[in-house]
Amino acid sequence: MLVTTTENIPGSRVVEVKGQVFGLVVRSRGLAGNFMAGLRSLVGGEITEYTQLLEETRRHALDRMIKNAQLMGANAVVMMRFDSSEIGQTMSEIVAYGTAVVVEKLPG
């Protein structure tokens, strides 16, 4: 599955638009992770516990979006974006979204 943040794919053309597609994940860091992150925030610098959590969550949201696009019959997603928000003080919501399309290679 080709996923791109651009509207067009060089050397290909969109032959069918399947519609909007997304993958949503809500995650919470466990008590121990929150405690360690809290201690790390006192001294400053990167909070690796949260960085890892958000990287994994983005990958999971992207995987869900791709699965949903495949179920729609798409072979690509264009204009893909990520969005995130906080739910309470311990949960993060990440959504990957875009337009599910069918593309074909141009001759030549």
C-alpha atoms as a PDB file:
ATOM      1  CA  MET A   1       0.000   0.000   0.000  1.00  0.00           C
ATOM      2  CA  LEU A   2       1.448   3.312  -1.068  1.00  0.00           C
ATOM      3  CA  VAL A   3       0.876   6.077   1.493  1.00  0.00           C
ATOM      4  CA  THR A   4       1.871   9.615   0.621  1.00  0.00           C
ATOM      5  CA  THR A   5       1.390  13.070   2.077  1.00  0.00           C
ATOM      6  CA  THR A   6       1.131  14.525  -1.430  1.00  0.00           C
ATOM      7  CA  GLU A   7      -1.967  14.875  -3.587  1.00  0.00           C
ATOM      8  CA  ASN A   8      -0.410  13.316  -6.673  1.00  0.00           C
ATOM      9  CA  ILE A   9       1.863  10.326  -7.198  1.00  0.00           C
ATOM     10  CA  PRO A  10       4.435  10.894  -9.957  1.00  0.00           C
ATOM     11  CA  GLY A  11       4.090   8.327 -12.731  1.00  0.00           C
ATOM     12  CA  SER A  12       0.596   7.312 -11.599  1.00  0.00           C
ATOM     13  CA  ARG A  13      -2.924   8.608 -11.896  1.00  0.00           C
ATOM     14  CA  VAL A  14      -5.904   8.270  -9.607  1.00  0.00           C
ATOM     15  CA  VAL A  15      -8.605   6.235 -11.339  1.00  0.00           C
ATOM     16  CA  GLU A  16     -11.023   6.013  -8.422  1.00  0.00           C
ATOM     17  CA  VAL A  17     -11.514   7.827  -5.132  1.00  0.00           C
ATOM     18  CA  LYS A  18     -12.796   5.481  -2.444  1.00  0.00           C
ATOM     19  CA  GLY A  19     -13.232   8.168   0.201  1.00  0.00           C
ATOM     20  CA  GLN A  20     -11.802   9.295   3.489  1.00  0.00           C
ATOM     21  CA  VAL A  21      -9.991   6.757   5.597  1.00  0.00           C
ATOM     22  CA  PHE A  22      -8.520   6.901   9.075  1.00  0.00           C
ATOM     23  CA  GLY A  23      -6.900   4.880  11.820  1.00  0.00           C
ATOM     24  CA  LEU A  24      -7.444   5.952  15.416  1.00  0.00           C
ATOM     25  CA  VAL A  25      -5.561   4.888  18.541  1.00  0.00           C
ATOM     26  CA  VAL A  26      -5.906   6.091  22.142  1.00  0.00           C
ATOM     27  CA  ARG A  27      -3.083   5.107  24.462  1.00  0.00           C
ATOM     28  CA  SER A  28      -2.167   5.684  28.066  1.00  0.00           C
ATOM     29  CA  ARG A  29       1.227   5.350  29.652  1.00  0.00           C
ATOM     30  CA  GLY A  30       1.174   3.086  32.717  1.00  0.00           C
ATOM     31  CA  LEU A  31       1.735   4.366  36.242  1.00  0.00           C
ATOM     32  CA  ALA A  32       5.445   3.457  36.238  1.00  0.00           C
ATOM     33  CA  GLY A  33       5.986   5.192  32.890  1.00  0.00           C
ATOM     34  CA  ASN A  34       4.200   8.315  34.093  1.00  0.00           C
ATOM     35  CA  PHE A  35       6.310   8.319  37.255  1.00  0.00           C
ATOM     36  CA  MET A  36       9.580   7.994  35.306  1.00  0.00           C
ATOM     37  CA  ALA A  37       8.494  10.646  32.812  1.00  0.00           C
ATOM     38  CA  GLY A  38       7.583  12.957  35.689  1.00  0.00           C
ATOM     39  CA  LEU A  39      11.025  12.558  37.232  1.00  0.00           C
ATOM     40  CA  ARG A  40      12.715  13.108  33.862  1.00  0.00           C
ATOM     41  CA  SER A  41      10.688  16.289  33.275  1.00  0.00           C
ATOM     42  CA  LEU A  42      12.180  17.803  36.433  1.00  0.00           C
ATOM     43  CA  VAL A  43      15.658  17.871  34.899  1.00  0.00           C
ATOM     44  CA  GLY A  44      14.598  18.737  31.354  1.00  0.00           C
ATOM     45  CA  GLY A  45      15.421  17.150  28.033  1.00  0.00           C
ATOM     46  CA  GLU A  46      13.657  14.543  25.955  1.00  0.00           C
ATOM     47  CA  ILE A  47      11.156  12.357  27.774  1.00  0.00           C
ATOM     48  CA  THR A  48      11.943   9.085  26.023  1.00  0.00           C
ATOM     49  CA  GLU A  49       9.034   7.225  27.636  1.00  0.00           C
ATOM     50  CA  TYR A  50       6.569   9.513  25.858  1.00  0.00           C
ATOM     51  CA  THR A  51       8.575   9.630  22.630  1.00  0.00           C
ATOM     52  CA  GLN A  52       8.470   5.830  22.387  1.00  0.00           C
ATOM     53  CA  LEU A  53       4.776   5.760  23.237  1.00  0.00           C
ATOM     54  CA  LEU A  54       3.901   8.306  20.544  1.00  0.00           C
ATOM     55  CA  GLU A  55       6.096   6.643  17.893  1.00  0.00           C
ATOM     56  CA  GLU A  56       4.445   3.262  18.535  1.00  0.00           C
ATOM     57  CA  THR A  57       1.003   4.852  18.567  1.00  0.00           C
ATOM     58  CA  ARG A  58       1.603   6.595  15.225  1.00  0.00           C
ATOM     59  CA  ARG A  59       2.720   3.310  13.666  1.00  0.00           C
ATOM     60  CA  HIS A  60      -0.370   1.583  15.039  1.00  0.00           C
ATOM     61  CA  ALA A  61      -2.676   4.338  13.731  1.00  0.00           C
ATOM     62  CA  LEU A  62      -0.994   4.162  10.305  1.00  0.00           C
ATOM     63  CA  ASP A  63      -1.409   0.365  10.222  1.00  0.00           C
ATOM     64  CA  ARG A  64      -5.107   0.719  11.065  1.00  0.00           C
ATOM     65  CA  MET A  65      -5.580   3.346   8.369  1.00  0.00           C
ATOM     66  CA  ILE A  66      -3.917   1.081   5.779  1.00  0.00           C
ATOM     67  CA  LYS A  67      -6.100  -1.865   6.815  1.00  0.00           C
ATOM     68  CA  ASN A  68      -9.225   0.289   6.470  1.00  0.00           C
ATOM     69  CA  ALA A  69      -8.091   1.509   3.027  1.00  0.00           C
ATOM     70  CA  GLN A  70      -7.543  -2.093   1.903  1.00  0.00           C
ATOM     71  CA  LEU A  71     -11.035  -3.019   3.104  1.00  0.00           C
ATOM     72  CA  MET A  72     -12.378  -0.197   0.914  1.00  0.00           C
ATOM     73  CA  GLY A  73     -10.561  -1.633  -2.110  1.00  0.00           C
ATOM     74  CA  ALA A  74      -7.891   1.068  -2.319  1.00  0.00           C
ATOM     75  CA  ASN A  75      -4.276   0.500  -3.280  1.00  0.00           C
ATOM     76  CA  ALA A  76      -3.004   3.886  -2.060  1.00  0.00           C
ATOM     77  CA  VAL A  77      -3.717   6.675   0.400  1.00  0.00           C
ATOM     78  CA  VAL A  78      -2.980  10.258  -0.631  1.00  0.00           C
ATOM     79  CA  MET A  79      -2.889  13.444   1.438  1.00  0.00           C
ATOM     80  CA  MET A  80      -2.119  11.424   4.593  1.00  0.00           C
ATOM     81  CA  ARG A  81      -1.797  13.391   7.815  1.00  0.00           C
ATOM     82  CA  PHE A  82      -1.450  12.744  11.533  1.00  0.00           C
ATOM     83  CA  ASP A  83      -3.386  14.551  14.215  1.00  0.00           C
ATOM     84  CA  SER A  84      -3.066  14.195  17.955  1.00  0.00           C
ATOM     85  CA  SER A  85      -4.721  15.375  21.114  1.00  0.00           C
ATOM     86  CA  GLU A  86      -4.687  14.724  24.824  1.00  0.00           C
ATOM     87  CA  ILE A  87      -7.539  13.109  26.695  1.00  0.00           C
ATOM     88  CA  GLY A  88      -7.252  13.965  30.341  1.00  0.00           C
ATOM     89  CA  GLN A  89      -3.668  14.108  31.582  1.00  0.00           C
ATOM     90  CA  THR A  90      -2.653  10.523  30.922  1.00  0.00           C
ATOM     91  CA  MET A  91      -4.024   9.578  27.496  1.00  0.00           C
ATOM     92  CA  SER A  92      -3.008  10.511  23.966  1.00  0.00           C
ATOM     93  CA  GLU A  93      -5.166  10.166  20.880  1.00  0.00           C
ATOM     94  CA  ILE A  94      -3.431   9.787  17.518  1.00  0.00           C
ATOM     95  CA  VAL A  95      -5.292   9.621  14.217  1.00  0.00           C
ATOM     96  CA  ALA A  96      -3.793   8.939  10.798  1.00  0.00           C
ATOM     97  CA  TYR A  97      -6.102  10.049   7.990  1.00  0.00           C
ATOM     98  CA  GLY A  98      -6.148  10.607   4.267  1.00  0.00           C
ATOM     99  CA  THR A  99      -7.993   9.801   1.063  1.00  0.00           C
ATOM    100  CA  ALA A 100      -8.194   6.173  -0.033  1.00  0.00           C
ATOM    101  CA  VAL A 101      -7.749   5.859  -3.797  1.00  0.00           C
ATOM    102  CA  VAL A 102      -7.067   3.394  -6.585  1.00  0.00           C
ATOM    103  CA  VAL A 103      -4.075   4.391  -8.680  1.00  0.00           C
ATOM    104  CA  GLU A 104      -2.588   2.942 -11.835  1.00  0.00           C
ATOM    105  CA  LYS A 105       0.811   3.507 -13.378  1.00  0.00           C
ATOM    106  CA  LEU A 106       0.962   5.733 -16.418  1.00  0.00           C
ATOM    107  CA  PRO A 107       2.340   4.097 -19.570  1.00  0.00           C
ATOM    108  CA  GLY A 108       5.897   4.875 -20.523  1.00  0.00           C
END
